[in-house]
N, C-alpha and C. Protein backbone atom coordinates (compact mmCIF):
# COMPACT_ATOMS: atom_id res chain seq x y z
N MET A 1 -18.22 7.89 27.05
CA MET A 1 -19.58 7.90 26.60
C MET A 1 -20.53 7.94 27.79
N VAL A 2 -20.21 7.19 28.82
CA VAL A 2 -21.06 7.18 30.01
C VAL A 2 -21.06 8.56 30.66
N VAL A 3 -19.92 9.21 30.66
CA VAL A 3 -19.82 10.54 31.27
C VAL A 3 -20.69 11.52 30.51
N LEU A 4 -20.64 11.48 29.17
CA LEU A 4 -21.46 12.39 28.36
C LEU A 4 -22.93 12.10 28.57
N ASP A 5 -23.28 10.84 28.66
CA ASP A 5 -24.67 10.46 28.90
C ASP A 5 -25.17 11.06 30.21
N ARG A 6 -24.41 10.92 31.28
CA ARG A 6 -24.80 11.45 32.58
C ARG A 6 -24.84 12.97 32.56
N LEU A 7 -23.92 13.58 31.85
CA LEU A 7 -23.89 15.04 31.77
C LEU A 7 -25.13 15.56 31.06
N LEU A 8 -25.55 14.91 30.01
CA LEU A 8 -26.74 15.34 29.28
C LEU A 8 -28.00 15.15 30.11
N LYS A 9 -28.04 14.18 30.98
CA LYS A 9 -29.19 13.98 31.86
C LYS A 9 -29.31 15.12 32.86
N CYS A 10 -28.20 15.72 33.25
CA CYS A 10 -28.21 16.76 34.27
C CYS A 10 -28.56 18.14 33.73
N ILE A 11 -28.38 18.40 32.46
CA ILE A 11 -28.63 19.74 31.93
C ILE A 11 -30.03 19.83 31.36
N CYS A 12 -30.48 21.04 31.07
CA CYS A 12 -31.85 21.23 30.58
C CYS A 12 -32.01 20.71 29.16
N LEU A 13 -33.21 20.48 28.73
CA LEU A 13 -33.52 19.86 27.46
C LEU A 13 -33.07 20.69 26.26
N ASP A 14 -33.21 22.03 26.32
CA ASP A 14 -32.81 22.88 25.19
C ASP A 14 -31.32 22.75 24.89
N LEU A 15 -30.52 22.73 25.93
CA LEU A 15 -29.09 22.60 25.75
C LEU A 15 -28.75 21.22 25.18
N ALA A 16 -29.48 20.22 25.61
CA ALA A 16 -29.23 18.87 25.10
C ALA A 16 -29.53 18.81 23.60
N GLU A 17 -30.59 19.48 23.16
CA GLU A 17 -30.91 19.49 21.73
C GLU A 17 -29.82 20.24 20.94
N HIS A 18 -29.28 21.28 21.55
CA HIS A 18 -28.21 22.03 20.91
C HIS A 18 -26.96 21.16 20.76
N VAL A 19 -26.63 20.42 21.80
CA VAL A 19 -25.46 19.54 21.75
C VAL A 19 -25.68 18.43 20.73
N ILE A 20 -26.87 17.88 20.67
CA ILE A 20 -27.17 16.82 19.71
C ILE A 20 -27.05 17.35 18.28
N ALA A 21 -27.51 18.57 18.06
CA ALA A 21 -27.40 19.17 16.73
C ALA A 21 -25.93 19.33 16.33
N GLN A 22 -25.07 19.65 17.29
CA GLN A 22 -23.64 19.77 16.99
C GLN A 22 -23.05 18.41 16.61
N PHE A 23 -23.48 17.36 17.24
CA PHE A 23 -22.97 16.03 16.89
C PHE A 23 -23.36 15.65 15.47
N PHE A 24 -24.58 15.98 15.08
CA PHE A 24 -25.03 15.65 13.73
C PHE A 24 -24.32 16.48 12.67
N ASN A 25 -23.96 17.72 13.00
CA ASN A 25 -23.33 18.60 12.03
C ASN A 25 -21.81 18.47 11.99
N ALA A 26 -21.23 17.80 12.95
CA ALA A 26 -19.78 17.65 12.99
C ALA A 26 -19.34 16.68 11.90
N PRO A 27 -18.27 17.02 11.18
CA PRO A 27 -17.78 16.07 10.16
C PRO A 27 -17.21 14.84 10.85
N PRO A 28 -17.41 13.69 10.27
CA PRO A 28 -16.87 12.47 10.89
C PRO A 28 -15.35 12.47 10.84
N PRO A 29 -14.72 11.98 11.89
CA PRO A 29 -13.26 11.91 11.85
C PRO A 29 -12.83 10.83 10.86
N PRO A 30 -11.66 10.97 10.29
CA PRO A 30 -11.21 9.92 9.37
C PRO A 30 -11.01 8.62 10.13
N PRO A 31 -11.34 7.50 9.49
CA PRO A 31 -11.15 6.22 10.18
C PRO A 31 -9.66 5.99 10.45
N PRO A 32 -9.35 5.26 11.52
CA PRO A 32 -7.95 5.03 11.84
C PRO A 32 -7.20 4.32 10.72
N SER A 33 -7.91 3.53 9.93
CA SER A 33 -7.24 2.81 8.86
C SER A 33 -6.77 3.76 7.75
N CYS A 34 -7.37 4.94 7.67
CA CYS A 34 -6.96 5.91 6.66
C CYS A 34 -5.52 6.36 6.90
N VAL A 35 -5.18 6.60 8.14
CA VAL A 35 -3.81 6.98 8.48
C VAL A 35 -2.85 5.84 8.16
N ASP A 36 -3.27 4.61 8.48
CA ASP A 36 -2.44 3.45 8.17
C ASP A 36 -2.26 3.28 6.66
N LEU A 37 -3.33 3.55 5.91
CA LEU A 37 -3.26 3.44 4.46
C LEU A 37 -2.26 4.45 3.88
N VAL A 38 -2.28 5.67 4.39
CA VAL A 38 -1.35 6.69 3.91
C VAL A 38 0.09 6.31 4.25
N ARG A 39 0.30 5.81 5.45
CA ARG A 39 1.66 5.40 5.83
C ARG A 39 2.14 4.22 5.00
N ARG A 40 1.26 3.26 4.77
CA ARG A 40 1.63 2.09 3.97
C ARG A 40 1.94 2.50 2.53
N HIS A 41 1.11 3.40 1.99
CA HIS A 41 1.35 3.85 0.63
C HIS A 41 2.66 4.63 0.53
N ALA A 42 2.97 5.42 1.55
CA ALA A 42 4.24 6.15 1.57
C ALA A 42 5.42 5.17 1.57
N GLY A 43 5.30 4.10 2.34
CA GLY A 43 6.35 3.08 2.36
C GLY A 43 6.50 2.39 1.02
N VAL A 44 5.37 2.08 0.39
CA VAL A 44 5.41 1.43 -0.93
C VAL A 44 6.03 2.37 -1.96
N LEU A 45 5.68 3.64 -1.90
CA LEU A 45 6.27 4.60 -2.84
C LEU A 45 7.77 4.75 -2.61
N GLY A 46 8.20 4.66 -1.36
CA GLY A 46 9.63 4.70 -1.07
C GLY A 46 10.36 3.49 -1.62
N LEU A 47 9.77 2.30 -1.44
CA LEU A 47 10.35 1.09 -2.02
C LEU A 47 10.40 1.19 -3.55
N SER A 48 9.33 1.70 -4.12
CA SER A 48 9.28 1.85 -5.57
C SER A 48 10.36 2.79 -6.07
N ALA A 49 10.57 3.88 -5.36
CA ALA A 49 11.60 4.83 -5.76
C ALA A 49 12.98 4.19 -5.71
N CYS A 50 13.22 3.39 -4.69
CA CYS A 50 14.52 2.70 -4.59
C CYS A 50 14.71 1.73 -5.75
N ILE A 51 13.67 0.97 -6.08
CA ILE A 51 13.76 0.00 -7.16
C ILE A 51 13.97 0.69 -8.50
N LEU A 52 13.22 1.76 -8.73
CA LEU A 52 13.30 2.45 -10.01
C LEU A 52 14.53 3.34 -10.12
N SER A 53 15.27 3.49 -9.03
CA SER A 53 16.49 4.31 -9.08
C SER A 53 17.63 3.58 -9.77
N SER A 54 17.48 2.31 -10.00
CA SER A 54 18.54 1.53 -10.66
C SER A 54 17.98 0.81 -11.89
N PRO A 55 17.61 1.58 -12.90
CA PRO A 55 17.16 0.89 -14.11
C PRO A 55 18.35 0.26 -14.80
N TYR A 56 18.13 -0.87 -15.41
CA TYR A 56 19.15 -1.59 -16.18
C TYR A 56 20.25 -2.18 -15.31
N ASP A 57 20.04 -2.23 -14.00
CA ASP A 57 21.04 -2.80 -13.09
C ASP A 57 20.30 -3.44 -11.92
N VAL A 58 20.88 -4.48 -11.31
CA VAL A 58 20.29 -5.13 -10.15
C VAL A 58 21.33 -5.13 -9.03
N PRO A 59 21.27 -4.10 -8.16
CA PRO A 59 22.17 -4.10 -7.01
C PRO A 59 21.82 -5.24 -6.05
N SER A 60 22.70 -5.52 -5.12
CA SER A 60 22.50 -6.65 -4.21
C SER A 60 21.27 -6.48 -3.32
N TRP A 61 20.83 -5.26 -3.07
CA TRP A 61 19.68 -5.02 -2.20
C TRP A 61 18.35 -5.11 -2.93
N MET A 62 18.35 -5.09 -4.25
CA MET A 62 17.10 -5.02 -5.00
C MET A 62 16.22 -6.27 -4.90
N PRO A 63 16.77 -7.50 -4.95
CA PRO A 63 15.88 -8.66 -4.86
C PRO A 63 15.00 -8.66 -3.60
N GLN A 64 15.58 -8.32 -2.46
CA GLN A 64 14.78 -8.32 -1.23
C GLN A 64 13.75 -7.19 -1.26
N LEU A 65 14.09 -6.06 -1.83
CA LEU A 65 13.12 -4.97 -1.94
C LEU A 65 11.94 -5.37 -2.83
N LEU A 66 12.22 -6.09 -3.90
CA LEU A 66 11.14 -6.57 -4.76
C LEU A 66 10.23 -7.55 -4.01
N MET A 67 10.81 -8.39 -3.18
CA MET A 67 10.01 -9.33 -2.39
C MET A 67 9.15 -8.56 -1.38
N ASN A 68 9.73 -7.55 -0.75
CA ASN A 68 8.98 -6.74 0.20
C ASN A 68 7.84 -6.00 -0.50
N LEU A 69 8.09 -5.53 -1.69
CA LEU A 69 7.07 -4.81 -2.45
C LEU A 69 5.96 -5.75 -2.91
N SER A 70 6.32 -6.98 -3.25
CA SER A 70 5.32 -7.93 -3.77
C SER A 70 4.27 -8.29 -2.72
N VAL A 71 4.58 -8.14 -1.46
CA VAL A 71 3.61 -8.43 -0.40
C VAL A 71 2.41 -7.50 -0.50
N HIS A 72 2.62 -6.31 -1.03
CA HIS A 72 1.57 -5.29 -1.08
C HIS A 72 0.78 -5.30 -2.38
N LEU A 73 0.95 -6.32 -3.19
CA LEU A 73 0.27 -6.37 -4.48
C LEU A 73 -1.24 -6.48 -4.34
N ASN A 74 -1.72 -7.07 -3.27
CA ASN A 74 -3.16 -7.24 -3.08
C ASN A 74 -3.75 -6.24 -2.10
N ASP A 75 -3.02 -5.18 -1.78
CA ASP A 75 -3.54 -4.13 -0.91
C ASP A 75 -4.59 -3.32 -1.67
N THR A 76 -5.23 -2.44 -0.93
CA THR A 76 -6.26 -1.60 -1.54
C THR A 76 -5.62 -0.54 -2.44
N GLN A 77 -6.46 0.07 -3.27
CA GLN A 77 -5.98 1.17 -4.11
C GLN A 77 -5.66 2.36 -3.23
N PRO A 78 -4.72 3.16 -3.51
CA PRO A 78 -3.86 3.25 -4.68
C PRO A 78 -2.58 2.44 -4.55
N ILE A 79 -2.45 1.66 -3.47
CA ILE A 79 -1.22 0.91 -3.24
C ILE A 79 -1.03 -0.15 -4.32
N GLU A 80 -2.10 -0.87 -4.64
CA GLU A 80 -2.01 -1.93 -5.65
C GLU A 80 -1.52 -1.39 -6.98
N MET A 81 -2.05 -0.24 -7.39
CA MET A 81 -1.65 0.34 -8.67
C MET A 81 -0.18 0.78 -8.65
N SER A 82 0.27 1.29 -7.53
CA SER A 82 1.68 1.70 -7.42
C SER A 82 2.60 0.50 -7.54
N VAL A 83 2.23 -0.62 -6.91
CA VAL A 83 3.05 -1.83 -6.98
C VAL A 83 3.06 -2.38 -8.40
N LYS A 84 1.90 -2.43 -9.04
CA LYS A 84 1.83 -2.94 -10.41
C LYS A 84 2.65 -2.08 -11.37
N LYS A 85 2.58 -0.78 -11.20
CA LYS A 85 3.33 0.12 -12.07
C LYS A 85 4.84 -0.06 -11.87
N THR A 86 5.25 -0.23 -10.62
CA THR A 86 6.67 -0.43 -10.34
C THR A 86 7.16 -1.74 -10.93
N LEU A 87 6.39 -2.82 -10.75
CA LEU A 87 6.79 -4.12 -11.30
C LEU A 87 6.82 -4.08 -12.83
N SER A 88 5.89 -3.37 -13.43
CA SER A 88 5.86 -3.23 -14.88
C SER A 88 7.10 -2.48 -15.37
N ASN A 89 7.46 -1.41 -14.70
CA ASN A 89 8.65 -0.66 -15.08
C ASN A 89 9.92 -1.47 -14.85
N PHE A 90 9.95 -2.24 -13.77
CA PHE A 90 11.11 -3.10 -13.52
C PHE A 90 11.27 -4.12 -14.65
N ARG A 91 10.18 -4.73 -15.03
CA ARG A 91 10.24 -5.73 -16.11
C ARG A 91 10.69 -5.09 -17.42
N ARG A 92 10.16 -3.92 -17.71
CA ARG A 92 10.51 -3.23 -18.96
C ARG A 92 11.98 -2.86 -19.01
N THR A 93 12.52 -2.37 -17.89
CA THR A 93 13.90 -1.90 -17.90
C THR A 93 14.93 -3.02 -17.74
N HIS A 94 14.50 -4.17 -17.23
CA HIS A 94 15.45 -5.26 -17.00
C HIS A 94 15.27 -6.43 -17.96
N HIS A 95 14.38 -6.30 -18.90
CA HIS A 95 14.06 -7.40 -19.81
C HIS A 95 15.23 -7.74 -20.74
N ASP A 96 15.93 -6.75 -21.23
CA ASP A 96 16.99 -6.99 -22.22
C ASP A 96 18.13 -7.84 -21.68
N ASN A 97 18.54 -7.60 -20.45
CA ASN A 97 19.66 -8.34 -19.85
C ASN A 97 19.19 -9.29 -18.75
N TRP A 98 18.02 -9.87 -18.90
CA TRP A 98 17.45 -10.67 -17.82
C TRP A 98 18.30 -11.89 -17.48
N GLN A 99 18.93 -12.49 -18.48
CA GLN A 99 19.77 -13.66 -18.21
C GLN A 99 20.91 -13.31 -17.26
N GLU A 100 21.41 -12.11 -17.38
CA GLU A 100 22.48 -11.65 -16.48
C GLU A 100 21.91 -11.21 -15.13
N HIS A 101 20.77 -10.52 -15.15
CA HIS A 101 20.19 -9.99 -13.91
C HIS A 101 19.65 -11.07 -13.00
N LYS A 102 19.14 -12.14 -13.56
CA LYS A 102 18.52 -13.15 -12.70
C LYS A 102 19.53 -13.91 -11.86
N GLN A 103 20.81 -13.74 -12.12
CA GLN A 103 21.85 -14.35 -11.28
C GLN A 103 21.84 -13.76 -9.87
N GLN A 104 21.31 -12.55 -9.70
CA GLN A 104 21.28 -11.89 -8.40
C GLN A 104 20.20 -12.45 -7.47
N PHE A 105 19.24 -13.21 -8.01
CA PHE A 105 18.10 -13.69 -7.25
C PHE A 105 18.29 -15.14 -6.82
N THR A 106 17.71 -15.49 -5.67
CA THR A 106 17.68 -16.89 -5.25
C THR A 106 16.58 -17.60 -6.04
N ASP A 107 16.54 -18.92 -5.93
CA ASP A 107 15.51 -19.68 -6.65
C ASP A 107 14.11 -19.30 -6.18
N ASP A 108 13.93 -19.16 -4.88
CA ASP A 108 12.61 -18.78 -4.34
C ASP A 108 12.20 -17.40 -4.82
N GLN A 109 13.13 -16.47 -4.82
CA GLN A 109 12.83 -15.12 -5.28
C GLN A 109 12.49 -15.12 -6.77
N LEU A 110 13.18 -15.95 -7.54
CA LEU A 110 12.86 -16.04 -8.98
C LEU A 110 11.46 -16.61 -9.21
N LEU A 111 11.06 -17.58 -8.40
CA LEU A 111 9.71 -18.13 -8.53
C LEU A 111 8.65 -17.07 -8.26
N VAL A 112 8.85 -16.33 -7.17
CA VAL A 112 7.88 -15.28 -6.82
C VAL A 112 7.86 -14.21 -7.91
N LEU A 113 9.03 -13.80 -8.35
CA LEU A 113 9.12 -12.75 -9.36
C LEU A 113 8.51 -13.19 -10.69
N THR A 114 8.72 -14.44 -11.06
CA THR A 114 8.13 -14.96 -12.29
C THR A 114 6.62 -14.95 -12.20
N ASP A 115 6.08 -15.33 -11.05
CA ASP A 115 4.63 -15.29 -10.86
C ASP A 115 4.08 -13.87 -10.96
N LEU A 116 4.87 -12.91 -10.50
CA LEU A 116 4.41 -11.52 -10.52
C LEU A 116 4.53 -10.89 -11.90
N LEU A 117 5.60 -11.21 -12.61
CA LEU A 117 5.88 -10.51 -13.86
C LEU A 117 5.26 -11.16 -15.09
N VAL A 118 5.04 -12.46 -15.06
CA VAL A 118 4.49 -13.16 -16.21
C VAL A 118 2.98 -13.23 -16.06
N SER A 119 2.28 -12.75 -17.06
CA SER A 119 0.82 -12.77 -17.02
C SER A 119 0.32 -14.20 -17.12
N PRO A 120 -0.74 -14.52 -16.37
CA PRO A 120 -1.29 -15.88 -16.47
C PRO A 120 -1.90 -16.10 -17.84
N CYS A 121 -1.84 -17.33 -18.30
CA CYS A 121 -2.39 -17.67 -19.61
C CYS A 121 -3.91 -17.55 -19.56
N TYR A 122 -4.47 -16.95 -20.57
CA TYR A 122 -5.91 -16.73 -20.65
C TYR A 122 -6.68 -18.04 -20.71
N TYR A 123 -6.15 -19.02 -21.39
CA TYR A 123 -6.86 -20.27 -21.59
C TYR A 123 -6.53 -21.35 -20.58
N ALA A 124 -5.69 -21.06 -19.60
CA ALA A 124 -5.31 -22.07 -18.63
C ALA A 124 -6.40 -22.33 -17.63
């Protein structure tokens, strides 16, 4: 910035106005967080695909993936919606045999999963 400032001081006024006009007309670059958001969403979609690849079954790797996915539940959109949709589909597909499936989870994982899957009581 200092270099550009000094350079503009050295050139004539007409050229400086031309350069200033280019700065105003240039589209703003995407914020750095936008790239991070896309990468994070890609990771969440990958986790979701892994979880949804085993409907009606709980492989040994799934409990940890669900815990990793649950961390992103409070992220910005569209990540939050992707996580909610995945958890909703998991609950729907694993509800029938839940007594058998919950054997794959530790007590801590079951507590977290119960908090995520069970809606809070409206009157509580």
